[in-house]
Protein backbone atom coordinates (compact mmCIF):
# COMPACT_ATOMS: atom_id res chain seq x y z
CA UNK A 1 0.00 0.00 0.00
CA UNK A 2 1.28 3.48 -0.89
CA UNK A 3 1.86 6.06 1.77
CA UNK A 4 0.05 9.37 1.43
CA UNK A 5 1.75 12.50 2.70
CA UNK A 6 1.35 16.24 2.25
CA UNK A 7 4.38 18.14 1.11
CA UNK A 8 4.86 21.56 -0.37
CA UNK A 9 6.15 21.53 -3.94
CA UNK A 10 6.90 24.53 -6.15
CA UNK A 11 4.48 25.00 -9.04
CA UNK A 12 7.44 24.95 -11.41
CA UNK A 13 8.34 21.42 -10.23
CA UNK A 14 4.94 19.93 -11.11
CA UNK A 15 4.62 17.95 -14.34
CA UNK A 16 1.33 17.72 -16.18
CA UNK A 17 0.27 14.17 -17.02
CA UNK A 18 0.52 13.98 -20.81
CA UNK A 19 -2.51 11.68 -21.15
CA UNK A 20 -4.86 13.78 -19.01
CA UNK A 21 -8.30 13.25 -20.54
CA UNK A 22 -10.01 16.28 -19.00
CA UNK A 23 -10.40 19.64 -20.73
CA UNK A 24 -10.04 22.81 -18.69
CA UNK A 25 -11.74 25.71 -20.47
CA UNK A 26 -10.77 29.24 -19.42
CA UNK A 27 -14.16 29.74 -17.73
CA UNK A 28 -13.52 26.74 -15.47
CA UNK A 29 -9.99 27.91 -14.64
CA UNK A 30 -11.42 31.33 -13.77
CA UNK A 31 -13.93 29.76 -11.38
CA UNK A 32 -11.19 27.73 -9.69
CA UNK A 33 -9.04 30.87 -9.46
CA UNK A 34 -11.91 32.85 -7.90
CA UNK A 35 -12.56 30.05 -5.42
CA UNK A 36 -8.91 30.03 -4.34
CA UNK A 37 -9.04 33.81 -3.86
CA UNK A 38 -12.25 33.60 -1.83
CA UNK A 39 -11.58 30.50 0.25
CA UNK A 40 -7.79 30.06 0.03
CA UNK A 41 -6.08 27.01 -1.39
CA UNK A 42 -7.55 24.01 0.47
CA UNK A 43 -7.48 21.12 -2.02
CA UNK A 44 -3.97 19.78 -2.69
CA UNK A 45 -2.88 18.54 -6.10
CA UNK A 46 -2.17 14.80 -6.09
CA UNK A 47 1.22 13.88 -7.57
CA UNK A 48 3.33 10.77 -7.83
CA UNK A 49 6.94 10.32 -6.74
CA UNK A 50 8.14 12.02 -9.96
CA UNK A 51 5.89 15.10 -9.38
CA UNK A 52 3.59 14.04 -12.23
CA UNK A 53 0.05 15.21 -11.57
CA UNK A 54 -2.42 12.43 -10.86
CA UNK A 55 -5.33 14.75 -10.09
CA UNK A 56 -5.53 18.55 -10.08
CA UNK A 57 -4.58 19.87 -13.52
CA UNK A 58 -7.26 22.58 -13.34
CA UNK A 59 -5.97 23.77 -9.97
CA UNK A 60 -2.45 23.90 -11.37
CA UNK A 61 -3.61 26.15 -14.22
CA UNK A 62 -5.46 28.42 -11.77
CA UNK A 63 -2.43 28.59 -9.46
CA UNK A 64 -0.22 29.51 -12.42
CA UNK A 65 -2.58 32.42 -13.17
CA UNK A 66 -2.48 33.48 -9.54
CA UNK A 67 1.29 33.22 -9.31
CA UNK A 68 1.54 36.04 -11.84
CA UNK A 69 -0.67 38.19 -9.54
CA UNK A 70 1.64 38.78 -6.59
CA UNK A 71 -1.03 40.38 -4.39
CA UNK A 72 -3.64 37.58 -4.56
CA UNK A 73 -2.98 36.29 -1.06
CA UNK A 74 -2.42 39.59 0.80
PDB file of N, CA and C in Angstrom:
ATOM      1  N   UNK A   1       0.839  -1.181   0.000  1.00  0.00           N
ATOM      2  CA  UNK A   1       0.000   0.000   0.000  1.00  0.00           C
ATOM      3  C   UNK A   1       0.879   1.238   0.000  1.00  0.00           C
ATOM      4  N   UNK A   2       0.510   2.240  -0.796  1.00  0.00           N
ATOM      5  CA  UNK A   2       1.277   3.478  -0.887  1.00  0.00           C
ATOM      6  C   UNK A   2       0.999   4.371   0.302  1.00  0.00           C
ATOM      7  N   UNK A   3       2.014   5.102   0.681  1.00  0.00           N
ATOM      8  CA  UNK A   3       1.864   6.065   1.771  1.00  0.00           C
ATOM      9  C   UNK A   3       1.457   7.409   1.194  1.00  0.00           C
ATOM     10  N   UNK A   4       0.510   8.057   1.850  1.00  0.00           N
ATOM     11  CA  UNK A   4       0.050   9.372   1.426  1.00  0.00           C
ATOM     12  C   UNK A   4       0.601  10.397   2.407  1.00  0.00           C
ATOM     13  N   UNK A   5       1.193  11.451   1.861  1.00  0.00           N
ATOM     14  CA  UNK A   5       1.746  12.501   2.703  1.00  0.00           C
ATOM     15  C   UNK A   5       1.563  13.842   2.006  1.00  0.00           C
ATOM     16  N   UNK A   6       1.407  14.889   2.800  1.00  0.00           N
ATOM     17  CA  UNK A   6       1.353  16.242   2.254  1.00  0.00           C
ATOM     18  C   UNK A   6       2.753  16.827   2.265  1.00  0.00           C
ATOM     19  N   UNK A   7       3.119  17.418   1.163  1.00  0.00           N
ATOM     20  CA  UNK A   7       4.384  18.136   1.114  1.00  0.00           C
ATOM     21  C   UNK A   7       4.232  19.315   0.163  1.00  0.00           C
ATOM     22  N   UNK A   8       4.926  20.366   0.463  1.00  0.00           N
ATOM     23  CA  UNK A   8       4.864  21.563  -0.367  1.00  0.00           C
ATOM     24  C   UNK A   8       5.852  21.425  -1.518  1.00  0.00           C
ATOM     25  N   UNK A   9       5.342  21.643  -2.729  1.00  0.00           N
ATOM     26  CA  UNK A   9       6.147  21.531  -3.937  1.00  0.00           C
ATOM     27  C   UNK A   9       5.939  22.802  -4.750  1.00  0.00           C
ATOM     28  N   UNK A  10       7.008  23.339  -5.300  1.00  0.00           N
ATOM     29  CA  UNK A  10       6.897  24.529  -6.147  1.00  0.00           C
ATOM     30  C   UNK A  10       6.080  24.208  -7.398  1.00  0.00           C
ATOM     31  N   UNK A  11       5.280  25.170  -7.826  1.00  0.00           N
ATOM     32  CA  UNK A  11       4.481  25.003  -9.040  1.00  0.00           C
ATOM     33  C   UNK A  11       5.375  24.611 -10.212  1.00  0.00           C
ATOM     34  N   UNK A  12       6.533  25.207 -10.295  1.00  0.00           N
ATOM     35  CA  UNK A  12       7.444  24.948 -11.409  1.00  0.00           C
ATOM     36  C   UNK A  12       7.971  23.514 -11.429  1.00  0.00           C
ATOM     37  N   UNK A  13       7.850  22.801 -10.311  1.00  0.00           N
ATOM     38  CA  UNK A  13       8.339  21.422 -10.232  1.00  0.00           C
ATOM     39  C   UNK A  13       7.273  20.398 -10.604  1.00  0.00           C
ATOM     40  N   UNK A  14       6.017  20.846 -10.767  1.00  0.00           N
ATOM     41  CA  UNK A  14       4.939  19.931 -11.113  1.00  0.00           C
ATOM     42  C   UNK A  14       4.944  19.636 -12.609  1.00  0.00           C
ATOM     43  N   UNK A  15       4.628  18.395 -12.948  1.00  0.00           N
ATOM     44  CA  UNK A  15       4.622  17.950 -14.340  1.00  0.00           C
ATOM     45  C   UNK A  15       3.213  17.514 -14.698  1.00  0.00           C
ATOM     46  N   UNK A  16       2.666  18.114 -15.742  1.00  0.00           N
ATOM     47  CA  UNK A  16       1.330  17.722 -16.180  1.00  0.00           C
ATOM     48  C   UNK A  16       1.380  16.324 -16.795  1.00  0.00           C
ATOM     49  N   UNK A  17       0.385  15.512 -16.455  1.00  0.00           N
ATOM     50  CA  UNK A  17       0.272  14.169 -17.025  1.00  0.00           C
ATOM     51  C   UNK A  17      -0.107  14.302 -18.489  1.00  0.00           C
ATOM     52  N   UNK A  18       0.710  13.771 -19.367  1.00  0.00           N
ATOM     53  CA  UNK A  18       0.524  13.979 -20.809  1.00  0.00           C
ATOM     54  C   UNK A  18      -0.750  13.340 -21.358  1.00  0.00           C
ATOM     55  N   UNK A  19      -1.288  12.344 -20.683  1.00  0.00           N
ATOM     56  CA  UNK A  19      -2.511  11.678 -21.154  1.00  0.00           C
ATOM     57  C   UNK A  19      -3.754  12.109 -20.365  1.00  0.00           C
ATOM     58  N   UNK A  20      -3.692  13.280 -19.743  1.00  0.00           N
ATOM     59  CA  UNK A  20      -4.856  13.779 -19.010  1.00  0.00           C
ATOM     60  C   UNK A  20      -6.027  13.921 -19.973  1.00  0.00           C
ATOM     61  N   UNK A  21      -7.140  13.277 -19.648  1.00  0.00           N
ATOM     62  CA  UNK A  21      -8.300  13.253 -20.542  1.00  0.00           C
ATOM     63  C   UNK A  21      -9.233  14.438 -20.353  1.00  0.00           C
ATOM     64  N   UNK A  22      -9.075  15.187 -19.278  1.00  0.00           N
ATOM     65  CA  UNK A  22     -10.008  16.282 -18.997  1.00  0.00           C
ATOM     66  C   UNK A  22      -9.587  17.573 -19.695  1.00  0.00           C
ATOM     67  N   UNK A  23     -10.608  18.296 -20.180  1.00  0.00           N
ATOM     68  CA  UNK A  23     -10.397  19.636 -20.732  1.00  0.00           C
ATOM     69  C   UNK A  23     -10.596  20.640 -19.608  1.00  0.00           C
ATOM     70  N   UNK A  24      -9.901  21.755 -19.691  1.00  0.00           N
ATOM     71  CA  UNK A  24     -10.037  22.810 -18.691  1.00  0.00           C
ATOM     72  C   UNK A  24     -10.216  24.147 -19.408  1.00  0.00           C
ATOM     73  N   UNK A  25     -11.482  24.444 -19.781  1.00  0.00           N
ATOM     74  CA  UNK A  25     -11.742  25.713 -20.470  1.00  0.00           C
ATOM     75  C   UNK A  25     -11.415  26.905 -19.569  1.00  0.00           C
ATOM     76  N   UNK A  26     -11.140  28.037 -20.172  1.00  0.00           N
ATOM     77  CA  UNK A  26     -10.772  29.240 -19.422  1.00  0.00           C
ATOM     78  C   UNK A  26     -11.817  29.616 -18.382  1.00  0.00           C
ATOM     79  N   UNK A  27     -13.097  29.419 -18.693  1.00  0.00           N
ATOM     80  CA  UNK A  27     -14.156  29.738 -17.731  1.00  0.00           C
ATOM     81  C   UNK A  27     -14.003  28.895 -16.455  1.00  0.00           C
ATOM     82  N   UNK A  28     -13.710  27.622 -16.619  1.00  0.00           N
ATOM     83  CA  UNK A  28     -13.520  26.743 -15.466  1.00  0.00           C
ATOM     84  C   UNK A  28     -12.294  27.169 -14.653  1.00  0.00           C
ATOM     85  N   UNK A  29     -11.211  27.477 -15.329  1.00  0.00           N
ATOM     86  CA  UNK A  29      -9.993  27.907 -14.639  1.00  0.00           C
ATOM     87  C   UNK A  29     -10.276  29.189 -13.864  1.00  0.00           C
ATOM     88  N   UNK A  30     -11.046  30.088 -14.458  1.00  0.00           N
ATOM     89  CA  UNK A  30     -11.420  31.328 -13.771  1.00  0.00           C
ATOM     90  C   UNK A  30     -12.220  31.065 -12.504  1.00  0.00           C
ATOM     91  N   UNK A  31     -13.138  30.097 -12.566  1.00  0.00           N
ATOM     92  CA  UNK A  31     -13.935  29.763 -11.381  1.00  0.00           C
ATOM     93  C   UNK A  31     -13.056  29.159 -10.282  1.00  0.00           C
ATOM     94  N   UNK A  32     -12.114  28.312 -10.675  1.00  0.00           N
ATOM     95  CA  UNK A  32     -11.190  27.732  -9.691  1.00  0.00           C
ATOM     96  C   UNK A  32     -10.339  28.836  -9.082  1.00  0.00           C
ATOM     97  N   UNK A  33      -9.853  29.738  -9.919  1.00  0.00           N
ATOM     98  CA  UNK A  33      -9.041  30.872  -9.456  1.00  0.00           C
ATOM     99  C   UNK A  33      -9.823  31.715  -8.458  1.00  0.00           C
ATOM    100  N   UNK A  34     -11.069  32.044  -8.795  1.00  0.00           N
ATOM    101  CA  UNK A  34     -11.906  32.850  -7.904  1.00  0.00           C
ATOM    102  C   UNK A  34     -12.160  32.134  -6.577  1.00  0.00           C
ATOM    103  N   UNK A  35     -12.347  30.828  -6.634  1.00  0.00           N
ATOM    104  CA  UNK A  35     -12.560  30.045  -5.422  1.00  0.00           C
ATOM    105  C   UNK A  35     -11.328  30.080  -4.518  1.00  0.00           C
ATOM    106  N   UNK A  36     -10.158  29.970  -5.121  1.00  0.00           N
ATOM    107  CA  UNK A  36      -8.913  30.030  -4.341  1.00  0.00           C
ATOM    108  C   UNK A  36      -8.771  31.406  -3.693  1.00  0.00           C
ATOM    109  N   UNK A  37      -9.107  32.453  -4.421  1.00  0.00           N
ATOM    110  CA  UNK A  37      -9.036  33.809  -3.863  1.00  0.00           C
ATOM    111  C   UNK A  37     -10.004  33.957  -2.696  1.00  0.00           C
ATOM    112  N   UNK A  38     -11.223  33.439  -2.857  1.00  0.00           N
ATOM    113  CA  UNK A  38     -12.253  33.596  -1.826  1.00  0.00           C
ATOM    114  C   UNK A  38     -12.039  32.716  -0.603  1.00  0.00           C
ATOM    115  N   UNK A  39     -11.613  31.483  -0.835  1.00  0.00           N
ATOM    116  CA  UNK A  39     -11.580  30.505   0.254  1.00  0.00           C
ATOM    117  C   UNK A  39     -10.178  30.007   0.600  1.00  0.00           C
ATOM    118  N   UNK A  40      -9.179  30.493  -0.111  1.00  0.00           N
ATOM    119  CA  UNK A  40      -7.786  30.060   0.034  1.00  0.00           C
ATOM    120  C   UNK A  40      -7.610  28.728  -0.692  1.00  0.00           C
ATOM    121  N   UNK A  41      -6.409  28.237  -0.677  1.00  0.00           N
ATOM    122  CA  UNK A  41      -6.084  27.006  -1.392  1.00  0.00           C
ATOM    123  C   UNK A  41      -6.185  25.840  -0.421  1.00  0.00           C
ATOM    124  N   UNK A  42      -7.264  25.055  -0.518  1.00  0.00           N
ATOM    125  CA  UNK A  42      -7.546  24.009   0.465  1.00  0.00           C
ATOM    126  C   UNK A  42      -7.521  22.597  -0.102  1.00  0.00           C
ATOM    127  N   UNK A  43      -7.395  22.436  -1.396  1.00  0.00           N
ATOM    128  CA  UNK A  43      -7.481  21.119  -2.024  1.00  0.00           C
ATOM    129  C   UNK A  43      -6.163  20.807  -2.737  1.00  0.00           C
ATOM    130  N   UNK A  44      -5.294  20.036  -2.104  1.00  0.00           N
ATOM    131  CA  UNK A  44      -3.971  19.776  -2.688  1.00  0.00           C
ATOM    132  C   UNK A  44      -4.048  19.053  -4.032  1.00  0.00           C
ATOM    133  N   UNK A  45      -3.037  19.249  -4.833  1.00  0.00           N
ATOM    134  CA  UNK A  45      -2.878  18.537  -6.102  1.00  0.00           C
ATOM    135  C   UNK A  45      -2.196  17.211  -5.791  1.00  0.00           C
ATOM    136  N   UNK A  46      -2.756  16.127  -6.315  1.00  0.00           N
ATOM    137  CA  UNK A  46      -2.165  14.801  -6.093  1.00  0.00           C
ATOM    138  C   UNK A  46      -1.084  14.550  -7.143  1.00  0.00           C
ATOM    139  N   UNK A  47       0.094  14.164  -6.668  1.00  0.00           N
ATOM    140  CA  UNK A  47       1.221  13.884  -7.569  1.00  0.00           C
ATOM    141  C   UNK A  47       1.846  12.540  -7.199  1.00  0.00           C
ATOM    142  N   UNK A  48       2.609  11.996  -8.139  1.00  0.00           N
ATOM    143  CA  UNK A  48       3.331  10.771  -7.832  1.00  0.00           C
ATOM    144  C   UNK A  48       4.758  11.120  -7.399  1.00  0.00           C
ATOM    145  N   UNK A  49       5.577  10.107  -7.237  1.00  0.00           N
ATOM    146  CA  UNK A  49       6.944  10.321  -6.743  1.00  0.00           C
ATOM    147  C   UNK A  49       7.836  11.099  -7.708  1.00  0.00           C
ATOM    148  N   UNK A  50       7.387  11.253  -8.967  1.00  0.00           N
ATOM    149  CA  UNK A  50       8.143  12.024  -9.962  1.00  0.00           C
ATOM    150  C   UNK A  50       7.531  13.401 -10.190  1.00  0.00           C
ATOM    151  N   UNK A  51       6.605  13.823  -9.303  1.00  0.00           N
ATOM    152  CA  UNK A  51       5.893  15.103  -9.384  1.00  0.00           C
ATOM    153  C   UNK A  51       4.952  15.202 -10.581  1.00  0.00           C
ATOM    154  N   UNK A  52       4.567  14.055 -11.140  1.00  0.00           N
ATOM    155  CA  UNK A  52       3.595  14.038 -12.225  1.00  0.00           C
ATOM    156  C   UNK A  52       2.202  14.106 -11.602  1.00  0.00           C
ATOM    157  N   UNK A  53       1.377  14.993 -12.132  1.00  0.00           N
ATOM    158  CA  UNK A  53       0.048  15.212 -11.568  1.00  0.00           C
ATOM    159  C   UNK A  53      -0.853  14.014 -11.843  1.00  0.00           C
ATOM    160  N   UNK A  54      -1.433  13.503 -10.781  1.00  0.00           N
ATOM    161  CA  UNK A  54      -2.418  12.430 -10.863  1.00  0.00           C
ATOM    162  C   UNK A  54      -3.811  13.044 -10.938  1.00  0.00           C
ATOM    163  N   UNK A  55      -4.024  14.093 -10.167  1.00  0.00           N
ATOM    164  CA  UNK A  55      -5.330  14.754 -10.089  1.00  0.00           C
ATOM    165  C   UNK A  55      -5.104  16.197  -9.666  1.00  0.00           C
ATOM    166  N   UNK A  56      -5.647  17.147 -10.449  1.00  0.00           N
ATOM    167  CA  UNK A  56      -5.528  18.546 -10.084  1.00  0.00           C
ATOM    168  C   UNK A  56      -4.985  19.454 -11.169  1.00  0.00           C
ATOM    169  N   UNK A  57      -5.102  19.047 -12.421  1.00  0.00           N
ATOM    170  CA  UNK A  57      -4.582  19.869 -13.519  1.00  0.00           C
ATOM    171  C   UNK A  57      -5.244  21.243 -13.582  1.00  0.00           C
ATOM    172  N   UNK A  58      -6.549  21.303 -13.332  1.00  0.00           N
ATOM    173  CA  UNK A  58      -7.255  22.584 -13.345  1.00  0.00           C
ATOM    174  C   UNK A  58      -6.753  23.513 -12.252  1.00  0.00           C
ATOM    175  N   UNK A  59      -6.512  22.960 -11.066  1.00  0.00           N
ATOM    176  CA  UNK A  59      -5.971  23.766  -9.967  1.00  0.00           C
ATOM    177  C   UNK A  59      -4.580  24.279 -10.308  1.00  0.00           C
ATOM    178  N   UNK A  60      -3.773  23.451 -10.964  1.00  0.00           N
ATOM    179  CA  UNK A  60      -2.445  23.903 -11.370  1.00  0.00           C
ATOM    180  C   UNK A  60      -2.558  25.111 -12.305  1.00  0.00           C
ATOM    181  N   UNK A  61      -3.445  25.044 -13.278  1.00  0.00           N
ATOM    182  CA  UNK A  61      -3.606  26.155 -14.217  1.00  0.00           C
ATOM    183  C   UNK A  61      -4.074  27.419 -13.497  1.00  0.00           C
ATOM    184  N   UNK A  62      -4.990  27.265 -12.542  1.00  0.00           N
ATOM    185  CA  UNK A  62      -5.458  28.421 -11.769  1.00  0.00           C
ATOM    186  C   UNK A  62      -4.329  28.986 -10.909  1.00  0.00           C
ATOM    187  N   UNK A  63      -3.549  28.126 -10.290  1.00  0.00           N
ATOM    188  CA  UNK A  63      -2.426  28.587  -9.461  1.00  0.00           C
ATOM    189  C   UNK A  63      -1.368  29.293 -10.306  1.00  0.00           C
ATOM    190  N   UNK A  64      -1.167  28.827 -11.528  1.00  0.00           N
ATOM    191  CA  UNK A  64      -0.218  29.515 -12.423  1.00  0.00           C
ATOM    192  C   UNK A  64      -0.707  30.926 -12.728  1.00  0.00           C
ATOM    193  N   UNK A  65      -2.026  31.074 -12.947  1.00  0.00           N
ATOM    194  CA  UNK A  65      -2.583  32.416 -13.168  1.00  0.00           C
ATOM    195  C   UNK A  65      -2.354  33.283 -11.939  1.00  0.00           C
ATOM    196  N   UNK A  66      -2.625  32.722 -10.781  1.00  0.00           N
ATOM    197  CA  UNK A  66      -2.483  33.483  -9.538  1.00  0.00           C
ATOM    198  C   UNK A  66      -1.031  33.816  -9.232  1.00  0.00           C
ATOM    199  N   UNK A  67      -0.121  32.959  -9.615  1.00  0.00           N
ATOM    200  CA  UNK A  67       1.292  33.218  -9.314  1.00  0.00           C
ATOM    201  C   UNK A  67       1.803  34.452 -10.042  1.00  0.00           C
ATOM    202  N   UNK A  68       1.142  34.819 -11.131  1.00  0.00           N
ATOM    203  CA  UNK A  68       1.538  36.037 -11.836  1.00  0.00           C
ATOM    204  C   UNK A  68       0.935  37.287 -11.189  1.00  0.00           C
ATOM    205  N   UNK A  69      -0.045  37.094 -10.290  1.00  0.00           N
ATOM    206  CA  UNK A  69      -0.665  38.188  -9.544  1.00  0.00           C
ATOM    207  C   UNK A  69      -0.129  38.146  -8.119  1.00  0.00           C
ATOM    208  N   UNK A  70       0.920  38.879  -7.855  1.00  0.00           N
ATOM    209  CA  UNK A  70       1.644  38.781  -6.594  1.00  0.00           C
ATOM    210  C   UNK A  70       0.835  39.183  -5.361  1.00  0.00           C
ATOM    211  N   UNK A  71      -0.263  39.895  -5.533  1.00  0.00           N
ATOM    212  CA  UNK A  71      -1.028  40.381  -4.392  1.00  0.00           C
ATOM    213  C   UNK A  71      -2.246  39.523  -4.086  1.00  0.00           C
ATOM    214  N   UNK A  72      -2.409  38.369  -4.715  1.00  0.00           N
ATOM    215  CA  UNK A  72      -3.635  37.584  -4.560  1.00  0.00           C
ATOM    216  C   UNK A  72      -3.850  37.084  -3.150  1.00  0.00           C
ATOM    217  N   UNK A  73      -2.812  36.868  -2.376  1.00  0.00           N
ATOM    218  CA  UNK A  73      -2.977  36.287  -1.061  1.00  0.00           C
ATOM    219  C   UNK A  73      -2.654  37.273   0.063  1.00  0.00           C
ATOM    220  N   UNK A  74      -2.700  38.555  -0.238  1.00  0.00           N
ATOM    221  CA  UNK A  74      -2.418  39.586   0.805  1.00  0.00           C
ATOM    222  C   UNK A  74      -3.644  39.867   1.632  1.00  0.00           C
TER     223      UNK A  74
END
